[in-house]
Amino acid sequence: MKVSPKKLLYYAAWIAVFLGISYAIGMITSDNMDWYATLEKPPFTPPDILFPIMWTTLYILLAICGGMAFSDRRLFNVFAGYMIVNWAWSFIFFGAQMITFGFYWIILSNILLLAFMIKAKNHRPVCALLALPTLLWGCFAAYLNGAIMILN
């Protein structure tokens, strides 16, 4: 399958925007990493270095989904709603240190992503598949957030 330079540039722009937003959110909420380090963590908590690696990978996949969904207004609206909720979690959990609210917020995030995937399945099936790793990681993140909520 040959991809035109114009398409490559299009998706590269989506990826750059997503990584830029994620980096900015990380910088804004990074002051509270000391707080996070003091929390009791559940079993299977990955090392801290894994989180930026995973989210960078997932945001690249999500950026491609965003680019694919952009031409379908209703599909993109669901996607945009999911991304707003997804990006807001860091401000809730790290910024406001609202662990319990963060747990329910991440559940909402996962539900919105699942709704997006169901809608994308019929219109952009590749996009639904590209979103699957984010849903799986989101479920794992809900486990971590929920366990932190219980332990602290």
N, C-alpha and C. Protein backbone atom coordinates (compact mmCIF):
# COMPACT_ATOMS: atom_id res chain seq x y z
N MET A 1 0.84 -1.18 0.00
CA MET A 1 0.00 0.00 0.00
C MET A 1 0.89 1.25 0.00
N LYS A 2 0.72 2.06 -1.01
CA LYS A 2 1.51 3.27 -1.14
C LYS A 2 0.76 4.45 -0.50
N VAL A 3 1.48 5.19 0.33
CA VAL A 3 0.91 6.36 0.99
C VAL A 3 1.55 7.60 0.39
N SER A 4 0.72 8.54 0.01
CA SER A 4 1.23 9.76 -0.62
C SER A 4 1.96 10.63 0.40
N PRO A 5 2.89 11.44 -0.09
CA PRO A 5 3.59 12.37 0.81
C PRO A 5 2.62 13.32 1.53
N LYS A 6 1.55 13.70 0.84
CA LYS A 6 0.55 14.58 1.44
C LYS A 6 -0.12 13.88 2.64
N LYS A 7 -0.44 12.60 2.48
CA LYS A 7 -1.05 11.83 3.58
C LYS A 7 -0.06 11.67 4.73
N LEU A 8 1.20 11.41 4.41
CA LEU A 8 2.22 11.27 5.45
C LEU A 8 2.34 12.57 6.26
N LEU A 9 2.33 13.69 5.56
CA LEU A 9 2.41 14.99 6.22
C LEU A 9 1.18 15.23 7.09
N TYR A 10 0.03 14.85 6.58
CA TYR A 10 -1.24 14.98 7.31
C TYR A 10 -1.16 14.23 8.64
N TYR A 11 -0.76 12.97 8.60
CA TYR A 11 -0.69 12.17 9.83
C TYR A 11 0.47 12.62 10.72
N ALA A 12 1.56 13.07 10.13
CA ALA A 12 2.68 13.59 10.93
C ALA A 12 2.23 14.82 11.72
N ALA A 13 1.39 15.65 11.10
CA ALA A 13 0.86 16.83 11.81
C ALA A 13 -0.02 16.40 12.98
N TRP A 14 -0.89 15.42 12.75
CA TRP A 14 -1.73 14.91 13.84
C TRP A 14 -0.86 14.38 14.98
N ILE A 15 0.15 13.62 14.63
CA ILE A 15 1.03 13.04 15.65
C ILE A 15 1.76 14.14 16.41
N ALA A 16 2.26 15.13 15.70
CA ALA A 16 2.98 16.23 16.35
C ALA A 16 2.08 16.98 17.33
N VAL A 17 0.84 17.23 16.92
CA VAL A 17 -0.10 17.93 17.80
C VAL A 17 -0.40 17.09 19.04
N PHE A 18 -0.66 15.81 18.86
CA PHE A 18 -0.97 14.94 20.00
C PHE A 18 0.21 14.83 20.95
N LEU A 19 1.39 14.65 20.42
CA LEU A 19 2.56 14.55 21.29
C LEU A 19 2.85 15.88 21.97
N GLY A 20 2.60 16.97 21.27
CA GLY A 20 2.78 18.29 21.86
C GLY A 20 1.81 18.53 23.02
N ILE A 21 0.56 18.19 22.83
CA ILE A 21 -0.44 18.34 23.89
C ILE A 21 -0.07 17.46 25.08
N SER A 22 0.29 16.23 24.81
CA SER A 22 0.64 15.31 25.90
C SER A 22 1.87 15.79 26.65
N TYR A 23 2.84 16.30 25.94
CA TYR A 23 4.06 16.84 26.58
C TYR A 23 3.70 18.04 27.46
N ALA A 24 2.87 18.93 26.94
CA ALA A 24 2.47 20.12 27.70
C ALA A 24 1.73 19.72 28.98
N ILE A 25 0.82 18.78 28.87
CA ILE A 25 0.09 18.31 30.05
C ILE A 25 1.07 17.70 31.05
N GLY A 26 2.00 16.91 30.57
CA GLY A 26 3.01 16.33 31.45
C GLY A 26 3.82 17.38 32.17
N MET A 27 4.20 18.44 31.47
CA MET A 27 4.98 19.51 32.09
C MET A 27 4.15 20.26 33.13
N ILE A 28 2.89 20.51 32.82
CA ILE A 28 2.02 21.25 33.73
C ILE A 28 1.79 20.45 35.02
N THR A 29 1.62 19.15 34.89
CA THR A 29 1.29 18.32 36.06
C THR A 29 2.52 17.67 36.69
N SER A 30 3.70 17.91 36.16
CA SER A 30 4.90 17.23 36.66
C SER A 30 5.30 17.64 38.07
N ASP A 31 4.87 18.80 38.51
CA ASP A 31 5.21 19.23 39.87
C ASP A 31 4.65 18.28 40.93
N ASN A 32 3.60 17.56 40.57
CA ASN A 32 2.98 16.67 41.55
C ASN A 32 3.51 15.24 41.49
N MET A 33 4.59 15.02 40.78
CA MET A 33 5.18 13.68 40.75
C MET A 33 5.75 13.30 42.12
N ASP A 34 6.19 14.29 42.88
CA ASP A 34 6.66 14.00 44.23
C ASP A 34 5.52 13.45 45.09
N TRP A 35 4.35 14.04 44.94
CA TRP A 35 3.16 13.55 45.65
C TRP A 35 2.86 12.11 45.24
N TYR A 36 2.86 11.85 43.95
CA TYR A 36 2.56 10.52 43.44
C TYR A 36 3.54 9.49 44.01
N ALA A 37 4.79 9.87 44.12
CA ALA A 37 5.81 8.95 44.64
C ALA A 37 5.53 8.53 46.08
N THR A 38 4.80 9.35 46.84
CA THR A 38 4.50 9.02 48.23
C THR A 38 3.32 8.07 48.39
N LEU A 39 2.57 7.86 47.32
CA LEU A 39 1.37 7.04 47.41
C LEU A 39 1.71 5.55 47.48
N GLU A 40 0.88 4.83 48.20
CA GLU A 40 0.98 3.37 48.23
C GLU A 40 0.49 2.85 46.88
N LYS A 41 1.29 1.99 46.24
CA LYS A 41 0.95 1.49 44.90
C LYS A 41 0.57 0.01 44.97
N PRO A 42 -0.27 -0.43 44.05
CA PRO A 42 -0.69 -1.83 44.03
C PRO A 42 0.35 -2.74 43.37
N PRO A 43 0.16 -4.05 43.53
CA PRO A 43 1.02 -4.97 42.78
C PRO A 43 0.87 -4.71 41.28
N PHE A 44 1.86 -5.04 40.55
CA PHE A 44 1.89 -4.89 39.09
C PHE A 44 2.01 -3.45 38.63
N THR A 45 2.33 -2.53 39.55
CA THR A 45 2.59 -1.15 39.13
C THR A 45 3.89 -1.15 38.33
N PRO A 46 3.83 -0.71 37.09
CA PRO A 46 5.06 -0.71 36.28
C PRO A 46 6.03 0.37 36.75
N PRO A 47 7.29 0.25 36.35
CA PRO A 47 8.25 1.31 36.68
C PRO A 47 7.83 2.62 36.02
N ASP A 48 8.16 3.71 36.67
CA ASP A 48 7.73 5.04 36.19
C ASP A 48 8.13 5.30 34.74
N ILE A 49 9.26 4.79 34.30
CA ILE A 49 9.73 5.04 32.94
C ILE A 49 8.78 4.46 31.88
N LEU A 50 8.01 3.45 32.25
CA LEU A 50 7.11 2.83 31.27
C LEU A 50 5.95 3.75 30.88
N PHE A 51 5.50 4.61 31.78
CA PHE A 51 4.33 5.44 31.49
C PHE A 51 4.54 6.38 30.30
N PRO A 52 5.62 7.16 30.25
CA PRO A 52 5.78 8.03 29.06
C PRO A 52 6.00 7.22 27.77
N ILE A 53 6.62 6.07 27.87
CA ILE A 53 6.82 5.24 26.68
C ILE A 53 5.46 4.75 26.17
N MET A 54 4.64 4.25 27.09
CA MET A 54 3.33 3.75 26.69
C MET A 54 2.46 4.86 26.13
N TRP A 55 2.38 5.99 26.86
CA TRP A 55 1.49 7.04 26.40
C TRP A 55 1.97 7.67 25.09
N THR A 56 3.26 7.75 24.88
CA THR A 56 3.76 8.25 23.59
C THR A 56 3.29 7.33 22.47
N THR A 57 3.45 6.04 22.67
CA THR A 57 3.01 5.06 21.67
C THR A 57 1.51 5.15 21.44
N LEU A 58 0.76 5.21 22.53
CA LEU A 58 -0.71 5.25 22.42
C LEU A 58 -1.18 6.55 21.77
N TYR A 59 -0.53 7.66 22.09
CA TYR A 59 -0.95 8.92 21.48
C TYR A 59 -0.62 8.96 19.99
N ILE A 60 0.41 8.27 19.58
CA ILE A 60 0.69 8.17 18.14
C ILE A 60 -0.44 7.41 17.46
N LEU A 61 -0.85 6.29 18.06
CA LEU A 61 -1.96 5.51 17.50
C LEU A 61 -3.26 6.33 17.51
N LEU A 62 -3.50 7.04 18.61
CA LEU A 62 -4.71 7.86 18.70
C LEU A 62 -4.68 9.02 17.71
N ALA A 63 -3.51 9.59 17.48
CA ALA A 63 -3.39 10.68 16.50
C ALA A 63 -3.77 10.18 15.11
N ILE A 64 -3.34 8.98 14.79
CA ILE A 64 -3.71 8.40 13.49
C ILE A 64 -5.23 8.19 13.44
N CYS A 65 -5.81 7.72 14.55
CA CYS A 65 -7.27 7.57 14.63
C CYS A 65 -7.95 8.93 14.42
N GLY A 66 -7.44 9.95 15.08
CA GLY A 66 -8.02 11.28 14.92
C GLY A 66 -7.99 11.74 13.48
N GLY A 67 -6.85 11.50 12.83
CA GLY A 67 -6.74 11.86 11.41
C GLY A 67 -7.70 11.09 10.54
N MET A 68 -7.89 9.82 10.86
CA MET A 68 -8.83 8.99 10.09
C MET A 68 -10.28 9.40 10.35
N ALA A 69 -10.58 9.75 11.58
CA ALA A 69 -11.96 10.07 11.97
C ALA A 69 -12.37 11.49 11.56
N PHE A 70 -11.40 12.34 11.30
CA PHE A 70 -11.67 13.76 11.08
C PHE A 70 -12.67 14.02 9.95
N SER A 71 -12.67 13.19 8.95
CA SER A 71 -13.56 13.41 7.80
C SER A 71 -15.01 12.98 8.08
N ASP A 72 -15.24 12.30 9.17
CA ASP A 72 -16.59 11.87 9.56
C ASP A 72 -16.96 12.64 10.83
N ARG A 73 -17.77 13.67 10.67
CA ARG A 73 -18.04 14.60 11.78
C ARG A 73 -18.58 13.91 13.02
N ARG A 74 -19.55 13.02 12.87
CA ARG A 74 -20.13 12.35 14.04
C ARG A 74 -19.12 11.45 14.73
N LEU A 75 -18.34 10.74 13.96
CA LEU A 75 -17.30 9.87 14.53
C LEU A 75 -16.25 10.72 15.21
N PHE A 76 -15.86 11.81 14.57
CA PHE A 76 -14.84 12.68 15.16
C PHE A 76 -15.33 13.34 16.44
N ASN A 77 -16.61 13.67 16.53
CA ASN A 77 -17.14 14.27 17.75
C ASN A 77 -16.99 13.31 18.94
N VAL A 78 -17.25 12.04 18.72
CA VAL A 78 -17.07 11.04 19.78
C VAL A 78 -15.58 10.95 20.14
N PHE A 79 -14.75 10.93 19.13
CA PHE A 79 -13.30 10.87 19.35
C PHE A 79 -12.82 12.09 20.13
N ALA A 80 -13.25 13.28 19.72
CA ALA A 80 -12.82 14.51 20.39
C ALA A 80 -13.30 14.52 21.84
N GLY A 81 -14.52 14.06 22.08
CA GLY A 81 -15.02 13.97 23.45
C GLY A 81 -14.15 13.04 24.29
N TYR A 82 -13.79 11.90 23.72
CA TYR A 82 -12.91 10.97 24.43
C TYR A 82 -11.57 11.65 24.74
N MET A 83 -10.97 12.31 23.76
CA MET A 83 -9.65 12.90 23.97
C MET A 83 -9.69 13.99 25.05
N ILE A 84 -10.74 14.77 25.08
CA ILE A 84 -10.85 15.81 26.12
C ILE A 84 -10.89 15.15 27.50
N VAL A 85 -11.69 14.10 27.63
CA VAL A 85 -11.78 13.38 28.90
C VAL A 85 -10.44 12.73 29.23
N ASN A 86 -9.81 12.12 28.23
CA ASN A 86 -8.52 11.46 28.44
C ASN A 86 -7.48 12.46 28.94
N TRP A 87 -7.35 13.57 28.25
CA TRP A 87 -6.34 14.57 28.62
C TRP A 87 -6.64 15.20 29.98
N ALA A 88 -7.92 15.32 30.32
CA ALA A 88 -8.30 15.95 31.59
C ALA A 88 -7.91 15.10 32.80
N TRP A 89 -7.78 13.80 32.63
CA TRP A 89 -7.48 12.93 33.77
C TRP A 89 -6.21 13.35 34.50
N SER A 90 -5.17 13.71 33.79
CA SER A 90 -3.92 14.12 34.43
C SER A 90 -4.12 15.32 35.34
N PHE A 91 -4.97 16.25 34.91
CA PHE A 91 -5.23 17.43 35.74
C PHE A 91 -6.02 17.05 36.99
N ILE A 92 -6.91 16.08 36.85
CA ILE A 92 -7.72 15.63 37.98
C ILE A 92 -6.86 14.83 38.96
N PHE A 93 -6.16 13.82 38.44
CA PHE A 93 -5.41 12.92 39.32
C PHE A 93 -4.14 13.59 39.85
N PHE A 94 -3.30 14.07 38.96
CA PHE A 94 -2.03 14.67 39.39
C PHE A 94 -2.20 16.12 39.84
N GLY A 95 -2.87 16.92 39.02
CA GLY A 95 -3.00 18.33 39.32
C GLY A 95 -3.80 18.60 40.58
N ALA A 96 -5.01 18.05 40.65
CA ALA A 96 -5.89 18.30 41.80
C ALA A 96 -5.73 17.25 42.89
N GLN A 97 -4.98 16.20 42.61
CA GLN A 97 -4.76 15.09 43.55
C GLN A 97 -6.08 14.48 44.02
N MET A 98 -7.02 14.38 43.09
CA MET A 98 -8.34 13.82 43.38
C MET A 98 -8.36 12.36 42.90
N ILE A 99 -7.89 11.48 43.75
CA ILE A 99 -7.72 10.08 43.38
C ILE A 99 -9.07 9.42 43.07
N THR A 100 -10.05 9.60 43.95
CA THR A 100 -11.35 8.95 43.75
C THR A 100 -12.04 9.48 42.51
N PHE A 101 -12.08 10.79 42.36
CA PHE A 101 -12.69 11.38 41.17
C PHE A 101 -11.95 10.92 39.91
N GLY A 102 -10.62 10.84 40.02
CA GLY A 102 -9.82 10.36 38.90
C GLY A 102 -10.20 8.94 38.50
N PHE A 103 -10.48 8.10 39.48
CA PHE A 103 -10.88 6.72 39.18
C PHE A 103 -12.18 6.70 38.37
N TYR A 104 -13.18 7.45 38.81
CA TYR A 104 -14.45 7.47 38.07
C TYR A 104 -14.27 8.15 36.71
N TRP A 105 -13.38 9.13 36.65
CA TRP A 105 -13.10 9.82 35.39
C TRP A 105 -12.47 8.87 34.37
N ILE A 106 -11.57 8.01 34.85
CA ILE A 106 -10.91 7.08 33.92
C ILE A 106 -11.88 6.01 33.45
N ILE A 107 -12.85 5.65 34.29
CA ILE A 107 -13.90 4.73 33.85
C ILE A 107 -14.72 5.39 32.73
N LEU A 108 -15.08 6.65 32.95
CA LEU A 108 -15.79 7.40 31.90
C LEU A 108 -14.96 7.45 30.62
N SER A 109 -13.69 7.70 30.76
CA SER A 109 -12.79 7.75 29.61
C SER A 109 -12.82 6.44 28.83
N ASN A 110 -12.74 5.33 29.55
CA ASN A 110 -12.76 4.01 28.89
C ASN A 110 -14.10 3.74 28.20
N ILE A 111 -15.19 4.16 28.82
CA ILE A 111 -16.51 3.99 28.21
C ILE A 111 -16.60 4.80 26.92
N LEU A 112 -16.12 6.04 26.94
CA LEU A 112 -16.14 6.87 25.74
C LEU A 112 -15.26 6.28 24.63
N LEU A 113 -14.11 5.74 25.01
CA LEU A 113 -13.25 5.13 24.00
C LEU A 113 -13.92 3.89 23.40
N LEU A 114 -14.57 3.10 24.24
CA LEU A 114 -15.29 1.93 23.73
C LEU A 114 -16.42 2.36 22.79
N ALA A 115 -17.13 3.42 23.15
CA ALA A 115 -18.20 3.94 22.27
C ALA A 115 -17.61 4.38 20.93
N PHE A 116 -16.47 5.04 21.00
CA PHE A 116 -15.79 5.46 19.76
C PHE A 116 -15.42 4.24 18.92
N MET A 117 -14.87 3.22 19.56
CA MET A 117 -14.44 2.02 18.83
C MET A 117 -15.64 1.32 18.18
N ILE A 118 -16.75 1.25 18.90
CA ILE A 118 -17.95 0.61 18.34
C ILE A 118 -18.44 1.39 17.13
N LYS A 119 -18.46 2.71 17.26
CA LYS A 119 -18.88 3.55 16.13
C LYS A 119 -17.89 3.46 14.97
N ALA A 120 -16.61 3.43 15.28
CA ALA A 120 -15.58 3.37 14.23
C ALA A 120 -15.57 2.02 13.53
N LYS A 121 -15.98 0.97 14.21
CA LYS A 121 -15.94 -0.39 13.66
C LYS A 121 -16.63 -0.46 12.30
N ASN A 122 -17.72 0.25 12.14
CA ASN A 122 -18.46 0.21 10.88
C ASN A 122 -17.98 1.21 9.84
N HIS A 123 -17.36 2.30 10.31
CA HIS A 123 -16.95 3.37 9.40
C HIS A 123 -15.45 3.38 9.10
N ARG A 124 -14.66 3.12 10.12
CA ARG A 124 -13.20 3.11 10.01
C ARG A 124 -12.67 1.95 10.86
N PRO A 125 -12.82 0.70 10.38
CA PRO A 125 -12.43 -0.45 11.20
C PRO A 125 -10.96 -0.45 11.63
N VAL A 126 -10.08 0.07 10.80
CA VAL A 126 -8.66 0.14 11.18
C VAL A 126 -8.51 1.05 12.39
N CYS A 127 -9.28 2.11 12.41
CA CYS A 127 -9.24 3.05 13.53
C CYS A 127 -9.67 2.37 14.82
N ALA A 128 -10.70 1.55 14.76
CA ALA A 128 -11.15 0.82 15.95
C ALA A 128 -10.04 -0.10 16.46
N LEU A 129 -9.33 -0.74 15.56
CA LEU A 129 -8.22 -1.61 15.96
C LEU A 129 -7.05 -0.81 16.54
N LEU A 130 -6.77 0.34 15.96
CA LEU A 130 -5.68 1.18 16.47
C LEU A 130 -5.98 1.71 17.87
N ALA A 131 -7.26 1.83 18.20
CA ALA A 131 -7.66 2.33 19.53
C ALA A 131 -7.64 1.23 20.59
N LEU A 132 -7.62 -0.02 20.17
CA LEU A 132 -7.69 -1.14 21.13
C LEU A 132 -6.56 -1.12 22.17
N PRO A 133 -5.30 -0.90 21.78
CA PRO A 133 -4.25 -0.86 22.81
C PRO A 133 -4.50 0.22 23.87
N THR A 134 -5.08 1.35 23.45
CA THR A 134 -5.38 2.41 24.42
C THR A 134 -6.48 1.96 25.37
N LEU A 135 -7.48 1.26 24.87
CA LEU A 135 -8.53 0.75 25.76
C LEU A 135 -7.95 -0.25 26.76
N LEU A 136 -7.08 -1.13 26.30
CA LEU A 136 -6.47 -2.11 27.20
C LEU A 136 -5.61 -1.41 28.26
N TRP A 137 -4.82 -0.44 27.84
CA TRP A 137 -4.00 0.32 28.79
C TRP A 137 -4.89 1.14 29.72
N GLY A 138 -5.99 1.67 29.19
CA GLY A 138 -6.92 2.43 30.01
C GLY A 138 -7.56 1.56 31.10
N CYS A 139 -7.84 0.32 30.77
CA CYS A 139 -8.37 -0.61 31.78
C CYS A 139 -7.31 -0.89 32.85
N PHE A 140 -6.08 -1.05 32.42
CA PHE A 140 -4.98 -1.26 33.37
C PHE A 140 -4.79 -0.02 34.23
N ALA A 141 -4.87 1.15 33.61
CA ALA A 141 -4.75 2.41 34.34
C ALA A 141 -5.88 2.55 35.36
N ALA A 142 -7.08 2.08 35.01
CA ALA A 142 -8.20 2.12 35.96
C ALA A 142 -7.91 1.21 37.15
N TYR A 143 -7.31 0.05 36.89
CA TYR A 143 -6.90 -0.83 37.99
C TYR A 143 -5.92 -0.11 38.91
N LEU A 144 -4.90 0.52 38.31
CA LEU A 144 -3.90 1.23 39.12
C LEU A 144 -4.56 2.36 39.93
N ASN A 145 -5.38 3.17 39.26
CA ASN A 145 -6.03 4.29 39.93
C ASN A 145 -6.96 3.79 41.03
N GLY A 146 -7.73 2.75 40.73
CA GLY A 146 -8.65 2.20 41.74
C GLY A 146 -7.91 1.62 42.93
N ALA A 147 -6.82 0.92 42.68
CA ALA A 147 -6.05 0.35 43.77
C ALA A 147 -5.39 1.44 44.60
N ILE A 148 -4.88 2.48 43.95
CA ILE A 148 -4.31 3.61 44.69
C ILE A 148 -5.38 4.27 45.54
N MET A 149 -6.59 4.37 45.00
CA MET A 149 -7.69 4.93 45.74
C MET A 149 -7.96 4.11 47.01
N ILE A 150 -7.96 2.81 46.90
CA ILE A 150 -8.23 1.93 48.05
C ILE A 150 -7.07 1.95 49.04
N LEU A 151 -5.85 1.94 48.53
CA LEU A 151 -4.67 1.87 49.40
C LEU A 151 -4.34 3.18 50.12
N ASN A 152 -4.86 4.28 49.59
CA ASN A 152 -4.51 5.58 50.18
C ASN A 152 -5.77 6.23 50.71
